[in-house]
C-alpha atoms as a PDB file:
ATOM      1  CA  MET A   1     122.011  90.270 122.717  1.00  0.00           C
ATOM      2  CA  THR A   2     123.596  89.861 126.174  1.00  0.00           C
ATOM      3  CA  ALA A   3     125.723  86.752 126.569  1.00  0.00           C
ATOM      4  CA  PRO A   4     124.465  84.305 129.226  1.00  0.00           C
ATOM      5  CA  LEU A   5     126.337  84.341 132.515  1.00  0.00           C
ATOM      6  CA  PRO A   6     128.413  81.260 133.379  1.00  0.00           C
ATOM      7  CA  ASP A   7     127.206  78.839 136.005  1.00  0.00           C
ATOM      8  CA  PRO A   8     128.604  79.134 138.598  1.00  0.00           C
ATOM      9  CA  VAL A   9     129.043  82.903 138.493  1.00  0.00           C
ATOM     10  CA  VAL A  10     132.099  82.593 140.748  1.00  0.00           C
ATOM     11  CA  PRO A  11     134.394  79.545 140.502  1.00  0.00           C
ATOM     12  CA  GLY A  12     134.539  79.031 144.251  1.00  0.00           C
ATOM     13  CA  PRO A  13     133.425  80.565 147.533  1.00  0.00           C
ATOM     14  CA  VAL A  14     133.289  84.308 148.163  1.00  0.00           C
ATOM     15  CA  LEU A  15     134.407  86.123 151.301  1.00  0.00           C
ATOM     16  CA  VAL A  16     132.671  89.413 152.065  1.00  0.00           C
ATOM     17  CA  ILE A  17     134.601  91.579 154.531  1.00  0.00           C
ATOM     18  CA  GLY A  18     132.302  94.209 155.983  1.00  0.00           C
ATOM     19  CA  CYS A  19     128.655  93.406 156.662  1.00  0.00           C
ATOM     20  CA  GLY A  20     127.094  96.831 156.284  1.00  0.00           C
ATOM     21  CA  LEU A  21     124.507  97.841 153.699  1.00  0.00           C
ATOM     22  CA  ILE A  22     126.633  97.202 150.598  1.00  0.00           C
ATOM     23  CA  GLY A  23     128.535  94.149 151.797  1.00  0.00           C
ATOM     24  CA  THR A  24     125.423  92.388 153.056  1.00  0.00           C
ATOM     25  CA  SER A  25     123.547  93.270 149.854  1.00  0.00           C
ATOM     26  CA  VAL A  26     126.369  91.759 147.769  1.00  0.00           C
ATOM     27  CA  ALA A  27     126.262  88.657 149.944  1.00  0.00           C
ATOM     28  CA  LEU A  28     122.477  88.322 149.688  1.00  0.00           C
ATOM     29  CA  GLY A  29     122.599  88.722 145.909  1.00  0.00           C
ATOM     30  CA  LEU A  30     125.321  86.104 145.552  1.00  0.00           C
ATOM     31  CA  ARG A  31     123.475  83.687 147.818  1.00  0.00           C
ATOM     32  CA  ASP A  32     120.417  84.048 145.586  1.00  0.00           C
ATOM     33  CA  LEU A  33     122.681  82.996 142.701  1.00  0.00           C
ATOM     34  CA  GLY A  34     123.744  79.868 144.570  1.00  0.00           C
ATOM     35  CA  VAL A  35     127.215  81.135 145.520  1.00  0.00           C
ATOM     36  CA  GLN A  36     128.803  79.988 148.780  1.00  0.00           C
ATOM     37  CA  VAL A  37     129.380  83.162 150.822  1.00  0.00           C
ATOM     38  CA  HIS A  38     131.436  83.638 153.974  1.00  0.00           C
ATOM     39  CA  LEU A  39     131.156  86.746 156.137  1.00  0.00           C
ATOM     40  CA  ARG A  40     133.658  88.736 158.170  1.00  0.00           C
ATOM     41  CA  ASP A  41     133.317  92.029 160.043  1.00  0.00           C
ATOM     42  CA  ALA A  42     135.131  93.848 162.841  1.00  0.00           C
ATOM     43  CA  ARG A  43     131.791  93.798 164.646  1.00  0.00           C
ATOM     44  CA  PRO A  44     130.689  90.203 165.333  1.00  0.00           C
ATOM     45  CA  SER A  45     127.109  91.419 165.768  1.00  0.00           C
ATOM     46  CA  ASN A  46     127.044  92.565 162.127  1.00  0.00           C
ATOM     47  CA  VAL A  47     128.141  89.118 160.965  1.00  0.00           C
ATOM     48  CA  GLU A  48     125.542  87.464 163.179  1.00  0.00           C
ATOM     49  CA  LEU A  49     122.787  89.717 161.864  1.00  0.00           C
ATOM     50  CA  ALA A  50     123.808  89.356 158.201  1.00  0.00           C
ATOM     51  CA  ALA A  51     123.975  85.582 158.575  1.00  0.00           C
ATOM     52  CA  SER A  52     120.516  85.539 160.161  1.00  0.00           C
ATOM     53  CA  LEU A  53     119.220  87.321 157.053  1.00  0.00           C
ATOM     54  CA  GLY A  54     120.571  84.536 154.847  1.00  0.00           C
ATOM     55  CA  ALA A  55     123.614  86.432 153.572  1.00  0.00           C
ATOM     56  CA  GLY A  56     126.088  83.650 154.282  1.00  0.00           C
ATOM     57  CA  THR A  57     128.017  81.943 157.032  1.00  0.00           C
ATOM     58  CA  ALA A  58     130.453  83.142 159.671  1.00  0.00           C
ATOM     59  CA  ASP A  59     132.536  79.984 159.191  1.00  0.00           C
ATOM     60  CA  PRO A  60     136.136  80.646 158.102  1.00  0.00           C
ATOM     61  CA  VAL A  61     137.108  80.034 154.489  1.00  0.00           C
ATOM     62  CA  ALA A  62     140.461  78.677 153.371  1.00  0.00           C
ATOM     63  CA  ALA A  63     140.645  79.577 149.702  1.00  0.00           C
ATOM     64  CA  PRO A  64     137.979  81.989 148.391  1.00  0.00           C
ATOM     65  CA  ALA A  65     137.881  82.694 144.675  1.00  0.00           C
ATOM     66  CA  LEU A  66     136.824  86.280 145.358  1.00  0.00           C
ATOM     67  CA  VAL A  67     137.125  88.621 148.333  1.00  0.00           C
ATOM     68  CA  VAL A  68     134.808  91.639 148.437  1.00  0.00           C
ATOM     69  CA  VAL A  69     136.122  94.386 150.717  1.00  0.00           C
ATOM     70  CA  ALA A  70     133.114  96.412 151.862  1.00  0.00           C
ATOM     71  CA  VAL A  71     134.603  98.549 154.624  1.00  0.00           C
ATOM     72  CA  PRO A  72     134.683 102.385 154.975  1.00  0.00           C
ATOM     73  CA  PRO A  73     136.996 104.174 152.485  1.00  0.00           C
ATOM     74  CA  ALA A  74     139.716 104.904 155.062  1.00  0.00           C
ATOM     75  CA  ALA A  75     140.066 101.180 155.850  1.00  0.00           C
ATOM     76  CA  VAL A  76     139.994  99.817 152.291  1.00  0.00           C
ATOM     77  CA  VAL A  77     143.721  99.823 151.533  1.00  0.00           C
ATOM     78  CA  ASP A  78     144.809  98.035 154.701  1.00  0.00           C
ATOM     79  CA  THR A  79     141.936  95.532 154.541  1.00  0.00           C
ATOM     80  CA  ALA A  80     142.480  94.725 150.861  1.00  0.00           C
ATOM     81  CA  ARG A  81     146.237  94.435 151.306  1.00  0.00           C
ATOM     82  CA  ALA A  82     145.717  91.991 154.183  1.00  0.00           C
ATOM     83  CA  ALA A  83     143.261  89.942 152.090  1.00  0.00           C
ATOM     84  CA  LEU A  84     145.706  89.751 149.176  1.00  0.00           C
ATOM     85  CA  ALA A  85     148.367  88.409 151.540  1.00  0.00           C
ATOM     86  CA  GLU A  86     146.040  85.985 153.352  1.00  0.00           C
ATOM     87  CA  PHE A  87     144.534  84.511 150.168  1.00  0.00           C
ATOM     88  CA  PRO A  88     147.279  84.365 147.502  1.00  0.00           C
ATOM     89  CA  SER A  89     145.027  82.867 144.823  1.00  0.00           C
ATOM     90  CA  ALA A  90     141.961  85.080 145.329  1.00  0.00           C
ATOM     91  CA  VAL A  91     140.784  88.038 143.302  1.00  0.00           C
ATOM     92  CA  VAL A  92     140.132  90.988 145.632  1.00  0.00           C
ATOM     93  CA  THR A  93     137.782  93.877 144.902  1.00  0.00           C
ATOM     94  CA  ASP A  94     136.328  96.714 146.929  1.00  0.00           C
ATOM     95  CA  VAL A  95     133.136  98.791 146.856  1.00  0.00           C
ATOM     96  CA  ALA A  96     134.451 102.141 148.129  1.00  0.00           C
ATOM     97  CA  SER A  97     133.127 105.331 146.574  1.00  0.00           C
ATOM     98  CA  VAL A  98     136.583 106.904 146.099  1.00  0.00           C
ATOM     99  CA  LYS A  99     139.182 105.173 143.978  1.00  0.00           C
ATOM    100  CA  GLY A 100     142.258 107.424 143.590  1.00  0.00           C
ATOM    101  CA  SER A 101     143.939 106.570 146.890  1.00  0.00           C
ATOM    102  CA  VAL A 102     143.014 102.888 146.510  1.00  0.00           C
ATOM    103  CA  SER A 103     144.151 102.286 142.926  1.00  0.00           C
ATOM    104  CA  GLY A 104     147.292 104.340 143.436  1.00  0.00           C
ATOM    105  CA  THR A 105     148.348 102.192 146.394  1.00  0.00           C
ATOM    106  CA  LEU A 106     147.167  98.660 145.617  1.00  0.00           C
ATOM    107  CA  THR A 107     149.169  97.530 142.601  1.00  0.00           C
ATOM    108  CA  ASP A 108     148.726  93.765 142.983  1.00  0.00           C
ATOM    109  CA  PRO A 109     147.381  92.413 139.658  1.00  0.00           C
ATOM    110  CA  ARG A 110     144.721  90.464 141.570  1.00  0.00           C
ATOM    111  CA  PHE A 111     143.135  93.632 142.967  1.00  0.00           C
ATOM    112  CA  VAL A 112     140.282  95.240 141.000  1.00  0.00           C
ATOM    113  CA  GLY A 113     138.814  98.496 142.224  1.00  0.00           C
ATOM    114  CA  GLY A 114     135.026  98.605 142.176  1.00  0.00           C
ATOM    115  CA  HIS A 115     132.180 100.873 143.168  1.00  0.00           C
ATOM    116  CA  PRO A 116     128.479 100.014 142.851  1.00  0.00           C
ATOM    117  CA  MET A 117     126.440 103.217 142.546  1.00  0.00           C
ATOM    118  CA  ALA A 118     123.777 102.036 144.939  1.00  0.00           C
ATOM    119  CA  GLY A 119     122.823 102.885 148.466  1.00  0.00           C
ATOM    120  CA  LYS A 120     120.131 104.087 150.834  1.00  0.00           C
ATOM    121  CA  GLU A 121     119.796 106.766 153.456  1.00  0.00           C
ATOM    122  CA  ARG A 122     119.744 103.891 155.968  1.00  0.00           C
ATOM    123  CA  SER A 123     122.861 101.860 156.706  1.00  0.00           C
ATOM    124  CA  GLY A 124     123.713  98.515 158.269  1.00  0.00           C
ATOM    125  CA  PRO A 125     122.835  94.922 157.404  1.00  0.00           C
ATOM    126  CA  MET A 126     119.133  95.355 158.195  1.00  0.00           C
ATOM    127  CA  ALA A 127     118.843  97.821 155.291  1.00  0.00           C
ATOM    128  CA  ALA A 128     120.433  95.369 152.825  1.00  0.00           C
ATOM    129  CA  SER A 129     118.678  93.872 149.824  1.00  0.00           C
ATOM    130  CA  ALA A 130     119.659  91.351 147.177  1.00  0.00           C
ATOM    131  CA  LEU A 131     118.055  93.682 144.616  1.00  0.00           C
ATOM    132  CA  LEU A 132     119.993  96.787 145.676  1.00  0.00           C
ATOM    133  CA  PHE A 133     122.155  96.798 142.535  1.00  0.00           C
ATOM    134  CA  GLU A 134     119.431  96.076 140.000  1.00  0.00           C
ATOM    135  CA  GLY A 135     119.796  98.510 137.088  1.00  0.00           C
ATOM    136  CA  ARG A 136     122.517 100.535 138.859  1.00  0.00           C
ATOM    137  CA  ALA A 137     125.913 101.406 137.450  1.00  0.00           C
ATOM    138  CA  TRP A 138     128.885  99.505 138.869  1.00  0.00           C
ATOM    139  CA  ALA A 139     132.202 101.223 138.186  1.00  0.00           C
ATOM    140  CA  VAL A 140     135.091  98.823 137.644  1.00  0.00           C
ATOM    141  CA  VAL A 141     138.417 100.615 138.045  1.00  0.00           C
ATOM    142  CA  PRO A 142     141.450  98.531 137.061  1.00  0.00           C
ATOM    143  CA  THR A 143     144.995  99.760 136.531  1.00  0.00           C
ATOM    144  CA  ASP A 144     147.341  99.020 133.640  1.00  0.00           C
ATOM    145  CA  GLY A 145     148.779  96.130 135.632  1.00  0.00           C
ATOM    146  CA  THR A 146     145.512  94.479 136.683  1.00  0.00           C
ATOM    147  CA  ASP A 147     145.104  90.884 135.556  1.00  0.00           C
ATOM    148  CA  PRO A 148     142.472  90.654 132.763  1.00  0.00           C
ATOM    149  CA  GLY A 149     141.018  87.518 134.320  1.00  0.00           C
ATOM    150  CA  ALA A 150     140.498  89.336 137.611  1.00  0.00           C
ATOM    151  CA  ILE A 151     138.746  92.196 135.805  1.00  0.00           C
ATOM    152  CA  ALA A 152     136.510  89.733 133.971  1.00  0.00           C
ATOM    153  CA  LEU A 153     135.507  88.015 137.234  1.00  0.00           C
ATOM    154  CA  VAL A 154     134.557  91.262 138.976  1.00  0.00           C
ATOM    155  CA  GLU A 155     132.580  92.467 135.948  1.00  0.00           C
ATOM    156  CA  GLN A 156     130.873  89.079 135.770  1.00  0.00           C
ATOM    157  CA  VAL A 157     129.786  89.307 139.410  1.00  0.00           C
ATOM    158  CA  ALA A 158     128.575  92.887 139.036  1.00  0.00           C
ATOM    159  CA  THR A 159     126.516  91.924 135.985  1.00  0.00           C
ATOM    160  CA  ALA A 160     125.083  88.867 137.754  1.00  0.00           C
ATOM    161  CA  LEU A 161     123.905  91.133 140.587  1.00  0.00           C
ATOM    162  CA  GLY A 162     121.922  93.179 138.076  1.00  0.00           C
ATOM    163  CA  SER A 163     124.304  96.103 137.602  1.00  0.00           C
ATOM    164  CA  VAL A 164     125.450  97.836 134.443  1.00  0.00           C
ATOM    165  CA  VAL A 165     129.258  97.752 134.357  1.00  0.00           C
ATOM    166  CA  ARG A 166     131.146 100.957 133.597  1.00  0.00           C
ATOM    167  CA  ARG A 167     134.916 100.482 133.263  1.00  0.00           C
ATOM    168  CA  MET A 168     136.913 103.649 133.966  1.00  0.00           C
ATOM    169  CA  ASP A 169     140.177 104.955 135.430  1.00  0.00           C
ATOM    170  CA  ALA A 170     140.450 106.201 139.001  1.00  0.00           C
ATOM    171  CA  ALA A 171     140.714 109.932 138.240  1.00  0.00           C
ATOM    172  CA  SER A 172     137.673 109.861 135.946  1.00  0.00           C
ATOM    173  CA  HIS A 173     135.715 107.895 138.530  1.00  0.00           C
ATOM    174  CA  ASP A 174     136.479 110.268 141.386  1.00  0.00           C
ATOM    175  CA  ARG A 175     135.607 113.305 139.286  1.00  0.00           C
ATOM    176  CA  ALA A 176     132.330 111.688 138.205  1.00  0.00           C
ATOM    177  CA  VAL A 177     131.195 110.658 141.680  1.00  0.00           C
ATOM    178  CA  ALA A 178     132.010 114.092 143.053  1.00  0.00           C
ATOM    179  CA  LEU A 179     129.584 115.506 140.488  1.00  0.00           C
ATOM    180  CA  VAL A 180     126.771 112.970 140.641  1.00  0.00           C
ATOM    181  CA  SER A 181     126.952 111.842 144.268  1.00  0.00           C
ATOM    182  CA  HIS A 182     129.192 113.677 146.708  1.00  0.00           C
ATOM    183  CA  VAL A 183     128.281 117.304 145.950  1.00  0.00           C
ATOM    184  CA  PRO A 184     124.534 116.518 145.639  1.00  0.00           C
ATOM    185  CA  HIS A 185     124.744 114.948 149.095  1.00  0.00           C
ATOM    186  CA  LEU A 186     126.306 118.096 150.535  1.00  0.00           C
ATOM    187  CA  VAL A 187     123.705 120.298 148.844  1.00  0.00           C
ATOM    188  CA  SER A 188     120.985 118.102 150.341  1.00  0.00           C
ATOM    189  CA  ALA A 189     122.612 118.464 153.770  1.00  0.00           C
ATOM    190  CA  LEU A 190     122.810 122.249 153.411  1.00  0.00           C
ATOM    191  CA  THR A 191     119.140 122.457 152.465  1.00  0.00           C
ATOM    192  CA  ALA A 192     118.129 120.215 155.354  1.00  0.00           C
ATOM    193  CA  GLY A 193     120.299 122.321 157.668  1.00  0.00           C
ATOM    194  CA  LEU A 194     118.163 125.366 156.874  1.00  0.00           C
ATOM    195  CA  LEU A 195     115.265 123.577 158.575  1.00  0.00           C
ATOM    196  CA  THR A 196     116.924 123.294 161.988  1.00  0.00           C
ATOM    197  CA  GLN A 197     115.827 126.784 162.997  1.00  0.00           C
ATOM    198  CA  ALA A 198     112.555 126.835 161.055  1.00  0.00           C
ATOM    199  CA  ASP A 199     109.281 127.545 162.757  1.00  0.00           C
ATOM    200  CA  GLY A 200     107.133 124.463 163.261  1.00  0.00           C
ATOM    201  CA  ASP A 201     104.246 126.099 161.421  1.00  0.00           C
ATOM    202  CA  ASP A 202     106.527 126.593 158.400  1.00  0.00           C
ATOM    203  CA  LEU A 203     107.527 122.928 158.401  1.00  0.00           C
ATOM    204  CA  ALA A 204     103.859 121.932 158.443  1.00  0.00           C
ATOM    205  CA  LEU A 205     103.756 123.114 154.819  1.00  0.00           C
ATOM    206  CA  ALA A 206     106.505 120.706 153.756  1.00  0.00           C
ATOM    207  CA  GLY A 207     105.584 118.631 150.736  1.00  0.00           C
ATOM    208  CA  GLN A 208     107.135 115.884 148.669  1.00  0.00           C
ATOM    209  CA  GLY A 209     109.447 118.274 146.835  1.00  0.00           C
ATOM    210  CA  LEU A 210     111.289 119.138 150.048  1.00  0.00           C
ATOM    211  CA  ARG A 211     111.396 115.501 151.104  1.00  0.00           C
ATOM    212  CA  ASP A 212     112.920 114.536 147.746  1.00  0.00           C
ATOM    213  CA  VAL A 213     115.672 117.144 148.163  1.00  0.00           C
ATOM    214  CA  ILE A 214     116.610 116.326 151.782  1.00  0.00           C
ATOM    215  CA  ARG A 215     116.116 112.542 151.802  1.00  0.00           C
ATOM    216  CA  ILE A 216     119.792 111.639 151.448  1.00  0.00           C
ATOM    217  CA  ALA A 217     120.811 114.185 154.102  1.00  0.00           C
ATOM    218  CA  GLY A 218     119.688 111.643 156.695  1.00  0.00           C
ATOM    219  CA  SER A 219     122.501 109.231 155.771  1.00  0.00           C
ATOM    220  CA  ASP A 220     125.241 108.097 158.145  1.00  0.00           C
ATOM    221  CA  ARG A 221     127.392 111.104 159.126  1.00  0.00           C
ATOM    222  CA  GLY A 222     130.607 109.203 159.838  1.00  0.00           C
ATOM    223  CA  LEU A 223     130.602 107.439 156.477  1.00  0.00           C
ATOM    224  CA  TRP A 224     130.081 110.685 154.582  1.00  0.00           C
ATOM    225  CA  VAL A 225     132.819 112.516 156.482  1.00  0.00           C
ATOM    226  CA  ASP A 226     135.126 109.698 155.365  1.00  0.00           C
ATOM    227  CA  ILE A 227     133.900 109.800 151.752  1.00  0.00           C
ATOM    228  CA  ILE A 228     134.153 113.579 151.361  1.00  0.00           C
ATOM    229  CA  GLY A 229     137.571 113.643 153.009  1.00  0.00           C
ATOM    230  CA  SER A 230     138.826 110.931 150.646  1.00  0.00           C
ATOM    231  CA  ASN A 231     137.708 112.894 147.590  1.00  0.00           C
ATOM    232  CA  ALA A 232     138.270 116.423 148.891  1.00  0.00           C
ATOM    233  CA  GLY A 233     140.060 117.773 145.812  1.00  0.00           C
ATOM    234  CA  GLN A 234     137.390 116.794 143.290  1.00  0.00           C
ATOM    235  CA  VAL A 235     134.541 117.789 145.595  1.00  0.00           C
ATOM    236  CA  GLY A 236     136.175 121.129 146.329  1.00  0.00           C
ATOM    237  CA  ASP A 237     136.540 121.941 142.618  1.00  0.00           C
ATOM    238  CA  ILE A 238     132.857 121.304 141.944  1.00  0.00           C
ATOM    239  CA  LEU A 239     131.817 123.270 145.036  1.00  0.00           C
ATOM    240  CA  ASP A 240     133.846 126.208 143.669  1.00  0.00           C
ATOM    241  CA  ASP A 241     131.869 126.008 140.415  1.00  0.00           C
ATOM    242  CA  LEU A 242     128.621 125.687 142.360  1.00  0.00           C
ATOM    243  CA  ALA A 243     129.492 128.731 144.478  1.00  0.00           C
ATOM    244  CA  VAL A 244     129.886 130.846 141.333  1.00  0.00           C
ATOM    245  CA  ARG A 245     126.545 129.624 140.024  1.00  0.00           C
ATOM    246  CA  LEU A 246     124.901 130.292 143.390  1.00  0.00           C
ATOM    247  CA  ASP A 247     126.236 133.865 143.373  1.00  0.00           C
ATOM    248  CA  ASP A 248     124.839 134.336 139.856  1.00  0.00           C
ATOM    249  CA  LEU A 249     121.482 132.947 140.918  1.00  0.00           C
ATOM    250  CA  ARG A 250     121.386 135.134 144.024  1.00  0.00           C
ATOM    251  CA  SER A 251     122.017 138.214 141.883  1.00  0.00           C
ATOM    252  CA  ALA A 252     119.333 137.131 139.448  1.00  0.00           C
ATOM    253  CA  VAL A 253     116.812 136.709 142.274  1.00  0.00           C
ATOM    254  CA  ARG A 254     117.673 140.067 143.802  1.00  0.00           C
ATOM    255  CA  SER A 255     117.455 141.911 140.484  1.00  0.00           C
ATOM    256  CA  ALA A 256     114.148 140.242 139.496  1.00  0.00           C
ATOM    257  CA  ASP A 257     115.137 140.740 135.864  1.00  0.00           C
ATOM    258  CA  GLY A 258     113.852 137.403 134.610  1.00  0.00           C
ATOM    259  CA  SER A 259     117.296 135.780 134.389  1.00  0.00           C
ATOM    260  CA  VAL A 260     116.260 133.232 137.008  1.00  0.00           C
ATOM    261  CA  ALA A 261     114.614 131.426 134.093  1.00  0.00           C
ATOM    262  CA  GLU A 262     118.052 130.739 132.610  1.00  0.00           C
ATOM    263  CA  HIS A 263     119.073 128.844 135.729  1.00  0.00           C
ATOM    264  CA  LEU A 264     115.797 126.912 135.759  1.00  0.00           C
ATOM    265  CA  ASP A 265     116.203 126.018 132.079  1.00  0.00           C
ATOM    266  CA  ARG A 266     119.765 124.869 132.699  1.00  0.00           C
ATOM    267  CA  GLY A 267     118.472 122.672 135.505  1.00  0.00           C
ATOM    268  CA  ARG A 268     115.816 121.138 133.292  1.00  0.00           C
ATOM    269  CA  ALA A 269     118.441 120.455 130.639  1.00  0.00           C
ATOM    270  CA  GLY A 270     120.604 118.711 133.231  1.00  0.00           C
ATOM    271  CA  VAL A 271     117.733 116.515 134.367  1.00  0.00           C
ATOM    272  CA  ALA A 272     117.125 115.465 130.774  1.00  0.00           C
ATOM    273  CA  ARG A 273     120.720 114.220 130.475  1.00  0.00           C
ATOM    274  CA  VAL A 274     120.565 111.758 133.371  1.00  0.00           C
ATOM    275  CA  PRO A 275     120.397 108.183 131.991  1.00  0.00           C
ATOM    276  CA  GLY A 276     117.286 106.134 132.571  1.00  0.00           C
ATOM    277  CA  LYS A 277     117.115 102.781 134.288  1.00  0.00           C
ATOM    278  CA  HIS A 278     119.751 100.184 133.366  1.00  0.00           C
ATOM    279  CA  GLY A 279     121.859 103.040 131.961  1.00  0.00           C
ATOM    280  CA  GLU A 280     119.564 103.515 128.977  1.00  0.00           C
ATOM    281  CA  GLN A 281     119.239 106.810 127.151  1.00  0.00           C
ATOM    282  CA  PRO A 282     116.774 109.080 128.948  1.00  0.00           C
ATOM    283  CA  ALA A 283     113.254 108.715 127.581  1.00  0.00           C
ATOM    284  CA  ALA A 284     110.324 111.103 127.633  1.00  0.00           C
ATOM    285  CA  LEU A 285     108.370 110.414 130.799  1.00  0.00           C
ATOM    286  CA  ALA A 286     105.014 111.562 132.129  1.00  0.00           C
ATOM    287  CA  SER A 287     103.238 111.301 135.458  1.00  0.00           C
ATOM    288  CA  VAL A 288      99.824 109.996 136.409  1.00  0.00           C
ATOM    289  CA  PHE A 289      98.679 110.942 139.923  1.00  0.00           C
ATOM    290  CA  VAL A 290      96.434 108.617 141.880  1.00  0.00           C
ATOM    291  CA  SER A 291      94.675 109.340 145.171  1.00  0.00           C
ATOM    292  CA  ILE A 292      94.680 106.335 147.503  1.00  0.00           C
ATOM    293  CA  ASP A 293      93.532 105.643 151.039  1.00  0.00           C
ATOM    294  CA  ASP A 294      96.410 105.299 153.505  1.00  0.00           C
ATOM    295  CA  THR A 295      95.386 101.786 154.514  1.00  0.00           C
ATOM    296  CA  PRO A 296      97.036  98.354 154.199  1.00  0.00           C
ATOM    297  CA  GLY A 297      96.749  96.723 150.781  1.00  0.00           C
ATOM    298  CA  GLU A 298      95.841  99.837 148.776  1.00  0.00           C
ATOM    299  CA  LEU A 299      99.261 100.217 147.189  1.00  0.00           C
ATOM    300  CA  SER A 300      99.302  96.553 146.169  1.00  0.00           C
ATOM    301  CA  ARG A 301      95.852  96.952 144.662  1.00  0.00           C
ATOM    302  CA  LEU A 302      97.057  99.968 142.657  1.00  0.00           C
ATOM    303  CA  PHE A 303     100.100  98.076 141.370  1.00  0.00           C
ATOM    304  CA  ALA A 304      97.840  95.233 140.292  1.00  0.00           C
ATOM    305  CA  ALA A 305      95.627  97.663 138.377  1.00  0.00           C
ATOM    306  CA  ILE A 306      98.650  99.169 136.616  1.00  0.00           C
ATOM    307  CA  GLY A 307      99.837  95.680 135.734  1.00  0.00           C
ATOM    308  CA  ASP A 308      96.413  94.761 134.395  1.00  0.00           C
ATOM    309  CA  ALA A 309      96.642  97.835 132.153  1.00  0.00           C
ATOM    310  CA  GLY A 310      99.868  96.443 130.691  1.00  0.00           C
ATOM    311  CA  VAL A 311     101.953  99.432 131.803  1.00  0.00           C
ATOM    312  CA  ASN A 312     105.480  99.325 133.216  1.00  0.00           C
ATOM    313  CA  ILE A 313     106.307 101.750 136.036  1.00  0.00           C
ATOM    314  CA  GLU A 314     109.487 103.782 135.507  1.00  0.00           C
ATOM    315  CA  ASP A 315     109.429 105.510 138.894  1.00  0.00           C
ATOM    316  CA  MET A 316     107.022 106.447 141.649  1.00  0.00           C
ATOM    317  CA  ARG A 317     106.661 108.749 144.648  1.00  0.00           C
ATOM    318  CA  ILE A 318     104.121 108.919 147.466  1.00  0.00           C
ATOM    319  CA  ASP A 319     102.998 112.175 149.067  1.00  0.00           C
ATOM    320  CA  HIS A 320     100.884 111.862 152.221  1.00  0.00           C
ATOM    321  CA  GLU A 321      98.299 114.567 152.762  1.00  0.00           C
ATOM    322  CA  LEU A 322      98.689 116.421 156.027  1.00  0.00           C
ATOM    323  CA  GLY A 323      95.982 115.567 158.545  1.00  0.00           C
ATOM    324  CA  ARG A 324      94.207 113.059 156.295  1.00  0.00           C
ATOM    325  CA  LEU A 325      94.526 109.291 155.895  1.00  0.00           C
ATOM    326  CA  VAL A 326      94.959 109.802 152.165  1.00  0.00           C
ATOM    327  CA  GLY A 327      98.016 109.785 149.937  1.00  0.00           C
ATOM    328  CA  VAL A 328      98.773 110.770 146.373  1.00  0.00           C
ATOM    329  CA  VAL A 329     100.916 108.372 144.351  1.00  0.00           C
ATOM    330  CA  GLU A 330     102.815 109.841 141.426  1.00  0.00           C
ATOM    331  CA  VAL A 331     103.264 107.037 138.890  1.00  0.00           C
ATOM    332  CA  VAL A 332     105.966 107.872 136.339  1.00  0.00           C
ATOM    333  CA  VAL A 333     105.658 106.039 133.023  1.00  0.00           C
ATOM    334  CA  GLN A 334     106.753 106.347 129.414  1.00  0.00           C
ATOM    335  CA  ALA A 335     105.076 109.432 127.983  1.00  0.00           C
ATOM    336  CA  GLY A 336     103.401 107.446 125.221  1.00  0.00           C
ATOM    337  CA  VAL A 337     101.383 105.290 127.634  1.00  0.00           C
ATOM    338  CA  ALA A 338     100.445 107.911 130.231  1.00  0.00           C
ATOM    339  CA  GLU A 339      97.039 108.707 128.725  1.00  0.00           C
ATOM    340  CA  HIS A 340      96.233 105.002 128.351  1.00  0.00           C
ATOM    341  CA  LEU A 341      97.129 104.419 132.028  1.00  0.00           C
ATOM    342  CA  HIS A 342      95.093 107.418 133.127  1.00  0.00           C
ATOM    343  CA  THR A 343      92.021 106.136 131.313  1.00  0.00           C
ATOM    344  CA  ALA A 344      92.532 102.546 132.472  1.00  0.00           C
ATOM    345  CA  LEU A 345      92.773 103.552 136.123  1.00  0.00           C
ATOM    346  CA  ILE A 346      89.639 105.687 135.957  1.00  0.00           C
ATOM    347  CA  GLU A 347      87.783 102.790 134.357  1.00  0.00           C
ATOM    348  CA  ARG A 348      88.900 100.618 137.270  1.00  0.00           C
ATOM    349  CA  GLY A 349      87.499 103.081 139.803  1.00  0.00           C
ATOM    350  CA  TRP A 350      90.643 104.942 140.800  1.00  0.00           C
ATOM    351  CA  ALA A 351      90.735 108.714 141.346  1.00  0.00           C
ATOM    352  CA  ALA A 352      93.456 109.396 138.769  1.00  0.00           C
ATOM    353  CA  PHE A 353      94.478 112.700 137.246  1.00  0.00           C
ATOM    354  CA  ARG A 354      97.280 114.174 135.140  1.00  0.00           C
END
């Protein structure tokens, strides 16, 4: 049984430095928990916009209990070091996606490296959400000299925001994110890049599968140049491995000897290893497809019908049909309830199929 969180979650005000997607989302989540949040950003317009969303106040703070540094990776060390000097009693954490250069430089016991594994293809305060971290891993990366109380506070905040804490060292973190985040982003960008010279008639055939693969390629270019550059060694090693596998796959395709199936099976096995929501062990899932009119209120009506059937949604995707005001919603549920949901939706008048 999970222990209840203390009230208040943070024993004093919080200063968030950097009002982009992650910083503003942290601020919004803490405000929902009743925490006093102050905002700071090199761009005053970001602070103004985040404050207008209810993320906190632009008023200065004298003695925050916690400072969250949510600036680009290249600026983390200098910003965190300045915060440690300005607020000698505060715990300072960051949210950068690369930890080696940060943890190796910031040795103050009050600094706790952190990285919430959450984001969107859109950036900036307008994309922020208090629920961004719900069910997502939050890596906490202390060093041998980090104060245990500081670690406990950062883990407490991450848990309060809905995340699942994963404590790890910097090298393990950077290797892991290269595998599960940085290289997949580059592969998505490469695939999307193939489309730049595609014929328009070819792109008219694009379906949800392509959109799933290229979605993250639309993310902020400057941020990703910074991230990849900060983790170049780990990313390069995995790209080397990927290049070997790509050569093997290319040979298999050219030879048409059936060995492509081995690569597809390996991919399926990899998918099965990815943890489910809240970090749970992956469960057997199944999809129910529902045709809906592309009109206001239809999606809400479908969700209500699924709720009436007593079924929890694990995931969902929407594919819009070309040239028609109709969409197909793929509702992903636990395999054991898929048939029940299928039947229940048909009984309620929905065009559902499996």
